[in-house]
Amino acid sequence: MLCYTGMGDEQRAHEQQVRYLRFKADESAQTVTGPYRQAHPEDNNERQAIHEHVSVPLPGLATTKHASHHLKTSGLAGASR
């Protein structure tokens, strides 16, 4: 938006300003939802764009040794590459 304004391209600057105002973070929402998110850490975790899900051990795969053995024998090791 500022780059287009600096280059004198007012039409593109306006288009980008409209998008910026539509998608910018609503800072007042942070203040309103803050106490709830502090009291409910699981909900706060879910609202994060990138977050971690904590898992429980699966039956039969309770140890790392068993899990790595299962991945090797099932052909899943390195499947994400």
PDB file of N, CA and C in Angstrom:
ATOM      1  N   MET A   1       0.833  -1.172   0.000  1.00  0.00           N
ATOM      2  CA  MET A   1       0.000   0.000   0.000  1.00  0.00           C
ATOM      3  C   MET A   1       0.890   1.252   0.000  1.00  0.00           C
ATOM      4  N   LEU A   2       1.816   1.317   0.916  1.00  0.00           N
ATOM      5  CA  LEU A   2       2.686   2.486   0.997  1.00  0.00           C
ATOM      6  C   LEU A   2       3.631   2.563  -0.195  1.00  0.00           C
ATOM      7  N   CYS A   3       4.064   1.420  -0.683  1.00  0.00           N
ATOM      8  CA  CYS A   3       4.954   1.412  -1.851  1.00  0.00           C
ATOM      9  C   CYS A   3       4.233   1.967  -3.072  1.00  0.00           C
ATOM     10  N   TYR A   4       2.989   1.516  -3.287  1.00  0.00           N
ATOM     11  CA  TYR A   4       2.225   2.014  -4.430  1.00  0.00           C
ATOM     12  C   TYR A   4       1.969   3.510  -4.305  1.00  0.00           C
ATOM     13  N   THR A   5       1.694   3.979  -3.086  1.00  0.00           N
ATOM     14  CA  THR A   5       1.498   5.410  -2.867  1.00  0.00           C
ATOM     15  C   THR A   5       2.778   6.167  -3.216  1.00  0.00           C
ATOM     16  N   GLY A   6       3.912   5.640  -2.753  1.00  0.00           N
ATOM     17  CA  GLY A   6       5.192   6.272  -3.042  1.00  0.00           C
ATOM     18  C   GLY A   6       5.525   6.305  -4.514  1.00  0.00           C
ATOM     19  N   MET A   7       5.062   5.290  -5.245  1.00  0.00           N
ATOM     20  CA  MET A   7       5.321   5.238  -6.686  1.00  0.00           C
ATOM     21  C   MET A   7       4.292   6.047  -7.480  1.00  0.00           C
ATOM     22  N   GLY A   8       3.284   6.585  -6.776  1.00  0.00           N
ATOM     23  CA  GLY A   8       2.270   7.395  -7.453  1.00  0.00           C
ATOM     24  C   GLY A   8       1.141   6.601  -8.059  1.00  0.00           C
ATOM     25  N   ASP A   9       1.048   5.307  -7.746  1.00  0.00           N
ATOM     26  CA  ASP A   9      -0.016   4.459  -8.284  1.00  0.00           C
ATOM     27  C   ASP A   9      -1.165   4.434  -7.271  1.00  0.00           C
ATOM     28  N   GLU A  10      -1.990   5.471  -7.320  1.00  0.00           N
ATOM     29  CA  GLU A  10      -3.054   5.633  -6.326  1.00  0.00           C
ATOM     30  C   GLU A  10      -4.124   4.542  -6.413  1.00  0.00           C
ATOM     31  N   GLN A  11      -4.400   4.058  -7.622  1.00  0.00           N
ATOM     32  CA  GLN A  11      -5.427   3.017  -7.770  1.00  0.00           C
ATOM     33  C   GLN A  11      -4.998   1.740  -7.041  1.00  0.00           C
ATOM     34  N   ARG A  12      -3.778   1.283  -7.287  1.00  0.00           N
ATOM     35  CA  ARG A  12      -3.278   0.073  -6.613  1.00  0.00           C
ATOM     36  C   ARG A  12      -3.127   0.313  -5.111  1.00  0.00           C
ATOM     37  N   ALA A  13      -2.701   1.499  -4.721  1.00  0.00           N
ATOM     38  CA  ALA A  13      -2.574   1.821  -3.305  1.00  0.00           C
ATOM     39  C   ALA A  13      -3.927   1.696  -2.620  1.00  0.00           C
ATOM     40  N   HIS A  14      -4.972   2.201  -3.276  1.00  0.00           N
ATOM     41  CA  HIS A  14      -6.310   2.104  -2.694  1.00  0.00           C
ATOM     42  C   HIS A  14      -6.768   0.646  -2.600  1.00  0.00           C
ATOM     43  N   GLU A  15      -6.517  -0.153  -3.633  1.00  0.00           N
ATOM     44  CA  GLU A  15      -6.884  -1.581  -3.610  1.00  0.00           C
ATOM     45  C   GLU A  15      -6.201  -2.290  -2.438  1.00  0.00           C
ATOM     46  N   GLN A  16      -4.931  -2.002  -2.251  1.00  0.00           N
ATOM     47  CA  GLN A  16      -4.193  -2.652  -1.166  1.00  0.00           C
ATOM     48  C   GLN A  16      -4.661  -2.147   0.200  1.00  0.00           C
ATOM     49  N   GLN A  17      -5.024  -0.876   0.286  1.00  0.00           N
ATOM     50  CA  GLN A  17      -5.526  -0.334   1.544  1.00  0.00           C
ATOM     51  C   GLN A  17      -6.831  -1.018   1.938  1.00  0.00           C
ATOM     52  N   VAL A  18      -7.711  -1.251   0.975  1.00  0.00           N
ATOM     53  CA  VAL A  18      -8.980  -1.937   1.242  1.00  0.00           C
ATOM     54  C   VAL A  18      -8.700  -3.336   1.789  1.00  0.00           C
ATOM     55  N   ARG A  19      -7.769  -4.064   1.179  1.00  0.00           N
ATOM     56  CA  ARG A  19      -7.421  -5.409   1.652  1.00  0.00           C
ATOM     57  C   ARG A  19      -6.789  -5.359   3.042  1.00  0.00           C
ATOM     58  N   TYR A  20      -5.906  -4.397   3.252  1.00  0.00           N
ATOM     59  CA  TYR A  20      -5.255  -4.258   4.558  1.00  0.00           C
ATOM     60  C   TYR A  20      -6.293  -4.031   5.654  1.00  0.00           C
ATOM     61  N   LEU A  21      -7.208  -3.122   5.421  1.00  0.00           N
ATOM     62  CA  LEU A  21      -8.214  -2.819   6.438  1.00  0.00           C
ATOM     63  C   LEU A  21      -9.152  -4.002   6.676  1.00  0.00           C
ATOM     64  N   ARG A  22      -9.383  -4.796   5.647  1.00  0.00           N
ATOM     65  CA  ARG A  22     -10.265  -5.959   5.804  1.00  0.00           C
ATOM     66  C   ARG A  22      -9.614  -7.058   6.633  1.00  0.00           C
ATOM     67  N   PHE A  23      -8.328  -7.298   6.427  1.00  0.00           N
ATOM     68  CA  PHE A  23      -7.686  -8.453   7.039  1.00  0.00           C
ATOM     69  C   PHE A  23      -6.761  -8.137   8.212  1.00  0.00           C
ATOM     70  N   LYS A  24      -6.596  -6.895   8.587  1.00  0.00           N
ATOM     71  CA  LYS A  24      -5.694  -6.574   9.694  1.00  0.00           C
ATOM     72  C   LYS A  24      -6.240  -7.129  10.997  1.00  0.00           C
ATOM     73  N   ALA A  25      -5.359  -7.360  11.950  1.00  0.00           N
ATOM     74  CA  ALA A  25      -5.752  -7.914  13.239  1.00  0.00           C
ATOM     75  C   ALA A  25      -6.623  -6.912  13.986  1.00  0.00           C
ATOM     76  N   ASP A  26      -7.698  -7.416  14.570  1.00  0.00           N
ATOM     77  CA  ASP A  26      -8.590  -6.579  15.365  1.00  0.00           C
ATOM     78  C   ASP A  26      -8.049  -6.526  16.789  1.00  0.00           C
ATOM     79  N   GLU A  27      -7.326  -5.467  17.097  1.00  0.00           N
ATOM     80  CA  GLU A  27      -6.669  -5.367  18.391  1.00  0.00           C
ATOM     81  C   GLU A  27      -7.665  -5.287  19.544  1.00  0.00           C
ATOM     82  N   SER A  28      -8.841  -4.719  19.308  1.00  0.00           N
ATOM     83  CA  SER A  28      -9.834  -4.649  20.384  1.00  0.00           C
ATOM     84  C   SER A  28     -10.351  -6.045  20.738  1.00  0.00           C
ATOM     85  N   ALA A  29     -10.383  -6.954  19.753  1.00  0.00           N
ATOM     86  CA  ALA A  29     -10.824  -8.322  20.025  1.00  0.00           C
ATOM     87  C   ALA A  29      -9.838  -9.021  20.955  1.00  0.00           C
ATOM     88  N   GLN A  30      -8.558  -8.711  20.809  1.00  0.00           N
ATOM     89  CA  GLN A  30      -7.548  -9.304  21.689  1.00  0.00           C
ATOM     90  C   GLN A  30      -7.828  -8.932  23.142  1.00  0.00           C
ATOM     91  N   THR A  31      -8.210  -7.690  23.371  1.00  0.00           N
ATOM     92  CA  THR A  31      -8.492  -7.217  24.725  1.00  0.00           C
ATOM     93  C   THR A  31      -9.744  -7.878  25.275  1.00  0.00           C
ATOM     94  N   VAL A  32     -10.761  -8.020  24.452  1.00  0.00           N
ATOM     95  CA  VAL A  32     -12.028  -8.598  24.886  1.00  0.00           C
ATOM     96  C   VAL A  32     -11.872 -10.083  25.199  1.00  0.00           C
ATOM     97  N   THR A  33     -11.138 -10.810  24.358  1.00  0.00           N
ATOM     98  CA  THR A  33     -11.045 -12.265  24.529  1.00  0.00           C
ATOM     99  C   THR A  33      -9.884 -12.697  25.421  1.00  0.00           C
ATOM    100  N   GLY A  34      -9.009 -11.759  25.791  1.00  0.00           N
ATOM    101  CA  GLY A  34      -7.823 -12.091  26.584  1.00  0.00           C
ATOM    102  C   GLY A  34      -8.099 -12.847  27.861  1.00  0.00           C
ATOM    103  N   PRO A  35      -8.986 -12.360  28.736  1.00  0.00           N
ATOM    104  CA  PRO A  35      -9.257 -13.082  29.990  1.00  0.00           C
ATOM    105  C   PRO A  35      -9.782 -14.506  29.755  1.00  0.00           C
ATOM    106  N   TYR A  36     -10.643 -14.675  28.754  1.00  0.00           N
ATOM    107  CA  TYR A  36     -11.156 -16.019  28.460  1.00  0.00           C
ATOM    108  C   TYR A  36     -10.023 -16.932  28.016  1.00  0.00           C
ATOM    109  N   ARG A  37      -9.172 -16.432  27.120  1.00  0.00           N
ATOM    110  CA  ARG A  37      -8.069 -17.256  26.608  1.00  0.00           C
ATOM    111  C   ARG A  37      -7.079 -17.609  27.708  1.00  0.00           C
ATOM    112  N   GLN A  38      -6.891 -16.725  28.673  1.00  0.00           N
ATOM    113  CA  GLN A  38      -6.005 -17.035  29.792  1.00  0.00           C
ATOM    114  C   GLN A  38      -6.609 -18.110  30.684  1.00  0.00           C
ATOM    115  N   ALA A  39      -7.916 -18.104  30.822  1.00  0.00           N
ATOM    116  CA  ALA A  39      -8.593 -19.093  31.657  1.00  0.00           C
ATOM    117  C   ALA A  39      -8.780 -20.426  30.949  1.00  0.00           C
ATOM    118  N   HIS A  40      -8.704 -20.447  29.618  1.00  0.00           N
ATOM    119  CA  HIS A  40      -8.923 -21.660  28.820  1.00  0.00           C
ATOM    120  C   HIS A  40      -7.759 -21.865  27.859  1.00  0.00           C
ATOM    121  N   PRO A  41      -6.635 -22.395  28.333  1.00  0.00           N
ATOM    122  CA  PRO A  41      -5.449 -22.521  27.472  1.00  0.00           C
ATOM    123  C   PRO A  41      -5.660 -23.431  26.257  1.00  0.00           C
ATOM    124  N   GLU A  42      -6.544 -24.421  26.355  1.00  0.00           N
ATOM    125  CA  GLU A  42      -6.779 -25.302  25.207  1.00  0.00           C
ATOM    126  C   GLU A  42      -7.427 -24.523  24.061  1.00  0.00           C
ATOM    127  N   ASP A  43      -8.404 -23.671  24.388  1.00  0.00           N
ATOM    128  CA  ASP A  43      -9.043 -22.854  23.360  1.00  0.00           C
ATOM    129  C   ASP A  43      -8.056 -21.844  22.782  1.00  0.00           C
ATOM    130  N   ASN A  44      -7.215 -21.277  23.642  1.00  0.00           N
ATOM    131  CA  ASN A  44      -6.206 -20.335  23.171  1.00  0.00           C
ATOM    132  C   ASN A  44      -5.245 -21.025  22.201  1.00  0.00           C
ATOM    133  N   ASN A  45      -4.869 -22.256  22.496  1.00  0.00           N
ATOM    134  CA  ASN A  45      -3.982 -23.010  21.606  1.00  0.00           C
ATOM    135  C   ASN A  45      -4.640 -23.217  20.239  1.00  0.00           C
ATOM    136  N   GLU A  46      -5.917 -23.541  20.227  1.00  0.00           N
ATOM    137  CA  GLU A  46      -6.616 -23.811  18.963  1.00  0.00           C
ATOM    138  C   GLU A  46      -6.744 -22.566  18.098  1.00  0.00           C
ATOM    139  N   ARG A  47      -6.766 -21.384  18.692  1.00  0.00           N
ATOM    140  CA  ARG A  47      -6.926 -20.165  17.894  1.00  0.00           C
ATOM    141  C   ARG A  47      -5.625 -19.729  17.227  1.00  0.00           C
ATOM    142  N   GLN A  48      -4.513 -20.329  17.635  1.00  0.00           N
ATOM    143  CA  GLN A  48      -3.228 -19.992  17.034  1.00  0.00           C
ATOM    144  C   GLN A  48      -3.153 -20.577  15.626  1.00  0.00           C
ATOM    145  N   ALA A  49      -2.620 -19.817  14.700  1.00  0.00           N
ATOM    146  CA  ALA A  49      -2.520 -20.293  13.311  1.00  0.00           C
ATOM    147  C   ALA A  49      -1.675 -21.557  13.220  1.00  0.00           C
ATOM    148  N   ILE A  50      -0.588 -21.595  13.953  1.00  0.00           N
ATOM    149  CA  ILE A  50       0.272 -22.779  13.999  1.00  0.00           C
ATOM    150  C   ILE A  50       0.333 -23.207  15.452  1.00  0.00           C
ATOM    151  N   HIS A  51      -0.107 -24.436  15.711  1.00  0.00           N
ATOM    152  CA  HIS A  51      -0.108 -24.916  17.086  1.00  0.00           C
ATOM    153  C   HIS A  51       0.131 -26.416  17.130  1.00  0.00           C
ATOM    154  N   GLU A  52       0.378 -26.908  18.326  1.00  0.00           N
ATOM    155  CA  GLU A  52       0.720 -28.310  18.527  1.00  0.00           C
ATOM    156  C   GLU A  52      -0.416 -29.017  19.244  1.00  0.00           C
ATOM    157  N   HIS A  53      -0.711 -30.221  18.798  1.00  0.00           N
ATOM    158  CA  HIS A  53      -1.674 -31.063  19.485  1.00  0.00           C
ATOM    159  C   HIS A  53      -0.895 -32.085  20.297  1.00  0.00           C
ATOM    160  N   VAL A  54      -1.166 -32.128  21.579  1.00  0.00           N
ATOM    161  CA  VAL A  54      -0.495 -33.085  22.441  1.00  0.00           C
ATOM    162  C   VAL A  54      -1.254 -34.403  22.320  1.00  0.00           C
ATOM    163  N   SER A  55      -0.525 -35.474  22.086  1.00  0.00           N
ATOM    164  CA  SER A  55      -1.142 -36.771  21.867  1.00  0.00           C
ATOM    165  C   SER A  55      -0.894 -37.680  23.063  1.00  0.00           C
ATOM    166  N   VAL A  56      -1.587 -38.791  23.084  1.00  0.00           N
ATOM    167  CA  VAL A  56      -1.401 -39.799  24.118  1.00  0.00           C
ATOM    168  C   VAL A  56      -0.759 -41.019  23.482  1.00  0.00           C
ATOM    169  N   PRO A  57      -0.050 -41.817  24.258  1.00  0.00           N
ATOM    170  CA  PRO A  57       0.550 -43.031  23.690  1.00  0.00           C
ATOM    171  C   PRO A  57      -0.532 -43.977  23.166  1.00  0.00           C
ATOM    172  N   LEU A  58      -0.282 -44.568  22.034  1.00  0.00           N
ATOM    173  CA  LEU A  58      -1.213 -45.525  21.456  1.00  0.00           C
ATOM    174  C   LEU A  58      -0.945 -46.908  22.031  1.00  0.00           C
ATOM    175  N   PRO A  59      -1.989 -47.727  22.202  1.00  0.00           N
ATOM    176  CA  PRO A  59      -1.772 -49.084  22.694  1.00  0.00           C
ATOM    177  C   PRO A  59      -0.831 -49.841  21.753  1.00  0.00           C
ATOM    178  N   GLY A  60       0.139 -50.505  22.318  1.00  0.00           N
ATOM    179  CA  GLY A  60       1.101 -51.258  21.523  1.00  0.00           C
ATOM    180  C   GLY A  60       2.260 -50.424  21.022  1.00  0.00           C
ATOM    181  N   LEU A  61       2.161 -49.105  21.154  1.00  0.00           N
ATOM    182  CA  LEU A  61       3.225 -48.209  20.704  1.00  0.00           C
ATOM    183  C   LEU A  61       3.625 -47.275  21.846  1.00  0.00           C
ATOM    184  N   ALA A  62       3.606 -47.796  23.055  1.00  0.00           N
ATOM    185  CA  ALA A  62       3.798 -46.955  24.239  1.00  0.00           C
ATOM    186  C   ALA A  62       5.205 -46.380  24.352  1.00  0.00           C
ATOM    187  N   THR A  63       6.200 -47.011  23.756  1.00  0.00           N
ATOM    188  CA  THR A  63       7.561 -46.496  23.887  1.00  0.00           C
ATOM    189  C   THR A  63       8.069 -46.041  22.528  1.00  0.00           C
ATOM    190  N   THR A  64       9.071 -45.231  22.532  1.00  0.00           N
ATOM    191  CA  THR A  64       9.679 -44.743  21.301  1.00  0.00           C
ATOM    192  C   THR A  64      10.244 -45.893  20.477  1.00  0.00           C
ATOM    193  N   LYS A  65      10.805 -46.884  21.161  1.00  0.00           N
ATOM    194  CA  LYS A  65      11.379 -48.046  20.469  1.00  0.00           C
ATOM    195  C   LYS A  65      10.310 -48.742  19.634  1.00  0.00           C
ATOM    196  N   HIS A  66       9.140 -48.963  20.253  1.00  0.00           N
ATOM    197  CA  HIS A  66       8.069 -49.635  19.527  1.00  0.00           C
ATOM    198  C   HIS A  66       7.567 -48.776  18.375  1.00  0.00           C
ATOM    199  N   ALA A  67       7.444 -47.476  18.601  1.00  0.00           N
ATOM    200  CA  ALA A  67       6.934 -46.590  17.558  1.00  0.00           C
ATOM    201  C   ALA A  67       7.877 -46.560  16.361  1.00  0.00           C
ATOM    202  N   SER A  68       9.168 -46.459  16.600  1.00  0.00           N
ATOM    203  CA  SER A  68      10.107 -46.419  15.476  1.00  0.00           C
ATOM    204  C   SER A  68      10.135 -47.757  14.752  1.00  0.00           C
ATOM    205  N   HIS A  69       9.996 -48.855  15.505  1.00  0.00           N
ATOM    206  CA  HIS A  69       9.950 -50.175  14.872  1.00  0.00           C
ATOM    207  C   HIS A  69       8.713 -50.282  13.988  1.00  0.00           C
ATOM    208  N   HIS A  70       7.573 -49.789  14.481  1.00  0.00           N
ATOM    209  CA  HIS A  70       6.339 -49.829  13.706  1.00  0.00           C
ATOM    210  C   HIS A  70       6.487 -49.018  12.423  1.00  0.00           C
ATOM    211  N   LEU A  71       7.089 -47.842  12.505  1.00  0.00           N
ATOM    212  CA  LEU A  71       7.265 -47.023  11.312  1.00  0.00           C
ATOM    213  C   LEU A  71       8.164 -47.707  10.297  1.00  0.00           C
ATOM    214  N   LYS A  72       9.223 -48.351  10.773  1.00  0.00           N
ATOM    215  CA  LYS A  72      10.144 -49.030   9.850  1.00  0.00           C
ATOM    216  C   LYS A  72       9.472 -50.206   9.169  1.00  0.00           C
ATOM    217  N   THR A  73       8.714 -50.996   9.923  1.00  0.00           N
ATOM    218  CA  THR A  73       8.117 -52.195   9.362  1.00  0.00           C
ATOM    219  C   THR A  73       6.885 -51.887   8.536  1.00  0.00           C
ATOM    220  N   SER A  74       6.232 -50.751   8.766  1.00  0.00           N
ATOM    221  CA  SER A  74       5.010 -50.441   8.009  1.00  0.00           C
ATOM    222  C   SER A  74       5.324 -49.665   6.729  1.00  0.00           C
ATOM    223  N   GLY A  75       6.560 -49.244   6.569  1.00  0.00           N
ATOM    224  CA  GLY A  75       6.931 -48.471   5.390  1.00  0.00           C
ATOM    225  C   GLY A  75       6.579 -46.998   5.513  1.00  0.00           C
ATOM    226  N   LEU A  76       6.205 -46.557   6.712  1.00  0.00           N
ATOM    227  CA  LEU A  76       5.824 -45.155   6.897  1.00  0.00           C
ATOM    228  C   LEU A  76       7.022 -44.259   7.195  1.00  0.00           C
ATOM    229  N   ALA A  77       8.133 -44.820   7.567  1.00  0.00           N
ATOM    230  CA  ALA A  77       9.303 -44.009   7.874  1.00  0.00           C
ATOM    231  C   ALA A  77       9.754 -43.282   6.619  1.00  0.00           C
ATOM    232  N   GLY A  78       9.873 -41.965   6.712  1.00  0.00           N
ATOM    233  CA  GLY A  78      10.305 -41.162   5.581  1.00  0.00           C
ATOM    234  C   GLY A  78       9.230 -40.938   4.551  1.00  0.00           C
ATOM    235  N   ALA A  79       7.975 -41.288   4.862  1.00  0.00           N
ATOM    236  CA  ALA A  79       6.889 -41.136   3.895  1.00  0.00           C
ATOM    237  C   ALA A  79       6.590 -39.684   3.579  1.00  0.00           C
ATOM    238  N   SER A  80       6.936 -38.775   4.480  1.00  0.00           N
ATOM    239  CA  SER A  80       6.619 -37.370   4.245  1.00  0.00           C
ATOM    240  C   SER A  80       7.585 -36.705   3.275  1.00  0.00           C
ATOM    241  N   ARG A  81       8.625 -37.364   2.882  1.00  0.00           N
ATOM    242  CA  ARG A  81       9.612 -36.774   1.970  1.00  0.00           C
ATOM    243  C   ARG A  81       9.245 -36.943   0.554  1.00  0.00           C
TER     244      ARG A  81
END
